Amino acid sequence: MEIISMKDEELLAIGEYVKKNISRWMEESQIIPFRNDRREIDLAERIVRVEESLKHQGELLEKSLEFMEKRFELMEKRFEQIDKRFEQVDKRFEELRSDMDKRFSQLQWTMGLGFTIMAALMGIFNFF
């Protein structure tokens, strides 16, 4: 029996050594001690739920950002189409302006020629 009691004493000594040093070892290893307390278990469960909720909200945020990117791409395409339409309208206005310039120039020449002919005829009729 002395052999068994010797082993028990050694185990007790080892147990005491571990008890004295375990908190320092855990601190060095940055391990948080977990007591089997109901409040701590509830708190740990709440922490897990909050982490899962945050993860879910992050996923929702990513999805909404992807959706917004798609919407912006669609709006960008629409703006490009609108720009093309404005360019077409600008071309039409330029064509209309050039046509109006030509007509105005023709009208000026016609009026100038008409006034010249009238002035010439009035000059001729004044002599006779």
C-alpha atoms as a PDB file:
ATOM      1  CA  MET A   1       0.000   0.000   0.000  1.00  0.00           C
ATOM      2  CA  GLU A   2       2.824   2.363   0.406  1.00  0.00           C
ATOM      3  CA  ILE A   3       3.338   2.342  -3.333  1.00  0.00           C
ATOM      4  CA  ILE A   4      -0.260   3.440  -3.899  1.00  0.00           C
ATOM      5  CA  SER A   5      -0.131   6.118  -1.211  1.00  0.00           C
ATOM      6  CA  MET A   6       3.122   7.344  -2.698  1.00  0.00           C
ATOM      7  CA  LYS A   7       1.445   7.678  -6.032  1.00  0.00           C
ATOM      8  CA  ASP A   8      -1.468   9.501  -4.427  1.00  0.00           C
ATOM      9  CA  GLU A   9       0.941  11.929  -2.778  1.00  0.00           C
ATOM     10  CA  GLU A  10       2.684  12.516  -6.065  1.00  0.00           C
ATOM     11  CA  LEU A  11      -0.652  13.076  -7.777  1.00  0.00           C
ATOM     12  CA  LEU A  12      -1.672  15.500  -5.066  1.00  0.00           C
ATOM     13  CA  ALA A  13       1.610  17.367  -5.449  1.00  0.00           C
ATOM     14  CA  ILE A  14       1.173  17.518  -9.213  1.00  0.00           C
ATOM     15  CA  GLY A  15      -2.430  18.679  -8.761  1.00  0.00           C
ATOM     16  CA  GLU A  16      -1.341  21.459  -6.401  1.00  0.00           C
ATOM     17  CA  TYR A  17       1.407  22.514  -8.811  1.00  0.00           C
ATOM     18  CA  VAL A  18      -1.083  22.662 -11.697  1.00  0.00           C
ATOM     19  CA  LYS A  19      -3.605  24.629  -9.591  1.00  0.00           C
ATOM     20  CA  LYS A  20      -0.967  27.179  -8.655  1.00  0.00           C
ATOM     21  CA  ASN A  21       0.304  27.681 -12.202  1.00  0.00           C
ATOM     22  CA  ILE A  22      -2.721  27.122 -14.449  1.00  0.00           C
ATOM     23  CA  SER A  23      -3.957  30.728 -14.317  1.00  0.00           C
ATOM     24  CA  ARG A  24      -0.504  32.016 -15.330  1.00  0.00           C
ATOM     25  CA  TRP A  25      -0.294  29.447 -18.153  1.00  0.00           C
ATOM     26  CA  MET A  26      -3.744  30.390 -19.416  1.00  0.00           C
ATOM     27  CA  GLU A  27      -2.851  34.072 -19.299  1.00  0.00           C
ATOM     28  CA  GLU A  28       0.366  33.438 -21.251  1.00  0.00           C
ATOM     29  CA  SER A  29      -1.549  31.397 -23.824  1.00  0.00           C
ATOM     30  CA  GLN A  30      -4.344  34.000 -23.857  1.00  0.00           C
ATOM     31  CA  ILE A  31      -6.952  31.406 -22.979  1.00  0.00           C
ATOM     32  CA  ILE A  32     -10.084  32.690 -21.280  1.00  0.00           C
ATOM     33  CA  PRO A  33     -11.182  30.437 -18.445  1.00  0.00           C
ATOM     34  CA  PHE A  34     -14.753  29.202 -18.816  1.00  0.00           C
ATOM     35  CA  ARG A  35     -16.652  28.473 -15.670  1.00  0.00           C
ATOM     36  CA  ASN A  36     -19.688  26.264 -15.797  1.00  0.00           C
ATOM     37  CA  ASP A  37     -21.941  29.126 -14.723  1.00  0.00           C
ATOM     38  CA  ARG A  38     -25.432  29.477 -16.291  1.00  0.00           C
ATOM     39  CA  ARG A  39     -24.976  33.223 -16.816  1.00  0.00           C
ATOM     40  CA  GLU A  40     -21.762  32.663 -18.729  1.00  0.00           C
ATOM     41  CA  ILE A  41     -23.373  29.923 -20.826  1.00  0.00           C
ATOM     42  CA  ASP A  42     -26.279  32.242 -21.640  1.00  0.00           C
ATOM     43  CA  LEU A  43     -23.853  35.026 -22.428  1.00  0.00           C
ATOM     44  CA  ALA A  44     -21.825  32.757 -24.703  1.00  0.00           C
ATOM     45  CA  GLU A  45     -24.991  31.675 -26.508  1.00  0.00           C
ATOM     46  CA  ARG A  46     -26.034  35.302 -26.955  1.00  0.00           C
ATOM     47  CA  ILE A  47     -22.585  36.134 -28.320  1.00  0.00           C
ATOM     48  CA  VAL A  48     -22.902  33.313 -30.828  1.00  0.00           C
ATOM     49  CA  ARG A  49     -26.366  34.535 -31.883  1.00  0.00           C
ATOM     50  CA  VAL A  50     -25.089  38.092 -32.265  1.00  0.00           C
ATOM     51  CA  GLU A  51     -22.153  36.883 -34.363  1.00  0.00           C
ATOM     52  CA  GLU A  52     -24.507  34.863 -36.577  1.00  0.00           C
ATOM     53  CA  SER A  53     -26.806  37.850 -36.897  1.00  0.00           C
ATOM     54  CA  LEU A  54     -23.910  40.094 -37.866  1.00  0.00           C
ATOM     55  CA  LYS A  55     -22.757  37.541 -40.416  1.00  0.00           C
ATOM     56  CA  HIS A  56     -26.273  37.373 -41.861  1.00  0.00           C
ATOM     57  CA  GLN A  57     -26.519  41.165 -41.994  1.00  0.00           C
ATOM     58  CA  GLY A  58     -23.141  41.295 -43.737  1.00  0.00           C
ATOM     59  CA  GLU A  59     -24.412  38.841 -46.354  1.00  0.00           C
ATOM     60  CA  LEU A  60     -27.572  40.918 -46.815  1.00  0.00           C
ATOM     61  CA  LEU A  61     -25.463  44.041 -47.192  1.00  0.00           C
ATOM     62  CA  GLU A  62     -23.305  42.364 -49.839  1.00  0.00           C
ATOM     63  CA  LYS A  63     -26.411  41.250 -51.734  1.00  0.00           C
ATOM     64  CA  SER A  64     -27.916  44.722 -51.593  1.00  0.00           C
ATOM     65  CA  LEU A  65     -24.638  46.239 -52.810  1.00  0.00           C
ATOM     66  CA  GLU A  66     -24.578  43.789 -55.729  1.00  0.00           C
ATOM     67  CA  PHE A  67     -28.188  44.687 -56.517  1.00  0.00           C
ATOM     68  CA  MET A  68     -27.347  48.391 -56.406  1.00  0.00           C
ATOM     69  CA  GLU A  69     -24.369  47.849 -58.710  1.00  0.00           C
ATOM     70  CA  LYS A  70     -26.664  46.131 -61.216  1.00  0.00           C
ATOM     71  CA  ARG A  71     -29.138  49.008 -60.941  1.00  0.00           C
ATOM     72  CA  PHE A  72     -26.366  51.539 -61.507  1.00  0.00           C
ATOM     73  CA  GLU A  73     -25.204  49.595 -64.558  1.00  0.00           C
ATOM     74  CA  LEU A  74     -28.750  49.656 -65.939  1.00  0.00           C
ATOM     75  CA  MET A  75     -29.013  53.372 -65.260  1.00  0.00           C
ATOM     76  CA  GLU A  76     -25.664  53.935 -66.918  1.00  0.00           C
ATOM     77  CA  LYS A  77     -26.917  52.105 -70.018  1.00  0.00           C
ATOM     78  CA  ARG A  78     -30.064  54.242 -70.003  1.00  0.00           C
ATOM     79  CA  PHE A  79     -27.974  57.395 -69.760  1.00  0.00           C
ATOM     80  CA  GLU A  80     -25.884  56.206 -72.690  1.00  0.00           C
ATOM     81  CA  GLN A  81     -29.077  55.713 -74.698  1.00  0.00           C
ATOM     82  CA  ILE A  82     -30.262  59.172 -73.704  1.00  0.00           C
ATOM     83  CA  ASP A  83     -26.885  60.615 -74.746  1.00  0.00           C
ATOM     84  CA  LYS A  84     -27.234  58.930 -78.134  1.00  0.00           C
ATOM     85  CA  ARG A  85     -30.705  60.420 -78.526  1.00  0.00           C
ATOM     86  CA  PHE A  86     -29.399  63.876 -77.650  1.00  0.00           C
ATOM     87  CA  GLU A  87     -26.635  63.445 -80.216  1.00  0.00           C
ATOM     88  CA  GLN A  88     -29.274  62.536 -82.811  1.00  0.00           C
ATOM     89  CA  VAL A  89     -31.330  65.605 -81.868  1.00  0.00           C
ATOM     90  CA  ASP A  90     -28.180  67.752 -82.084  1.00  0.00           C
ATOM     91  CA  LYS A  91     -27.512  66.391 -85.568  1.00  0.00           C
ATOM     92  CA  ARG A  92     -31.086  67.185 -86.580  1.00  0.00           C
ATOM     93  CA  PHE A  93     -30.748  70.719 -85.256  1.00  0.00           C
ATOM     94  CA  GLU A  94     -27.461  71.157 -87.128  1.00  0.00           C
ATOM     95  CA  GLU A  95     -29.076  69.915 -90.338  1.00  0.00           C
ATOM     96  CA  LEU A  96     -32.073  72.183 -89.769  1.00  0.00           C
ATOM     97  CA  ARG A  97     -29.779  75.108 -89.067  1.00  0.00           C
ATOM     98  CA  SER A  98     -27.744  74.516 -92.199  1.00  0.00           C
ATOM     99  CA  ASP A  99     -30.979  74.258 -94.239  1.00  0.00           C
ATOM    100  CA  MET A 100     -32.241  77.489 -92.689  1.00  0.00           C
ATOM    101  CA  ASP A 101     -28.901  79.187 -93.382  1.00  0.00           C
ATOM    102  CA  LYS A 102     -29.118  78.126 -97.031  1.00  0.00           C
ATOM    103  CA  ARG A 103     -32.695  79.355 -97.336  1.00  0.00           C
ATOM    104  CA  PHE A 104     -31.867  82.633 -95.625  1.00  0.00           C
ATOM    105  CA  SER A 105     -28.885  83.099 -97.922  1.00  0.00           C
ATOM    106  CA  GLN A 106     -31.076  82.379-100.961  1.00  0.00           C
ATOM    107  CA  LEU A 107     -33.711  84.804 -99.670  1.00  0.00           C
ATOM    108  CA  GLN A 108     -31.049  87.489 -99.172  1.00  0.00           C
ATOM    109  CA  TRP A 109     -29.774  87.004-102.705  1.00  0.00           C
ATOM    110  CA  THR A 110     -33.292  86.996-104.116  1.00  0.00           C
ATOM    111  CA  MET A 111     -34.265  90.151-102.217  1.00  0.00           C
ATOM    112  CA  GLY A 112     -31.004  91.839-103.139  1.00  0.00           C
ATOM    113  CA  LEU A 113     -31.487  90.910-106.782  1.00  0.00           C
ATOM    114  CA  GLY A 114     -35.109  92.060-106.654  1.00  0.00           C
ATOM    115  CA  PHE A 115     -34.202  95.443-105.138  1.00  0.00           C
ATOM    116  CA  THR A 116     -31.411  95.820-107.683  1.00  0.00           C
ATOM    117  CA  ILE A 117     -33.771  95.096-110.577  1.00  0.00           C
ATOM    118  CA  MET A 118     -36.400  97.469-109.150  1.00  0.00           C
ATOM    119  CA  ALA A 119     -33.796 100.192-108.665  1.00  0.00           C
ATOM    120  CA  ALA A 120     -32.578  99.662-112.224  1.00  0.00           C
ATOM    121  CA  LEU A 121     -36.129  99.758-113.603  1.00  0.00           C
ATOM    122  CA  MET A 122     -36.929 102.883-111.621  1.00  0.00           C
ATOM    123  CA  GLY A 123     -33.775 104.465-112.971  1.00  0.00           C
ATOM    124  CA  ILE A 124     -34.727 103.548-116.507  1.00  0.00           C
ATOM    125  CA  PHE A 125     -38.325 104.726-116.099  1.00  0.00           C
ATOM    126  CA  ASN A 126     -37.110 108.044-114.636  1.00  0.00           C
ATOM    127  CA  PHE A 127     -35.186 108.758-117.839  1.00  0.00           C
ATOM    128  CA  PHE A 128     -38.205 108.183-120.066  1.00  0.00           C
END
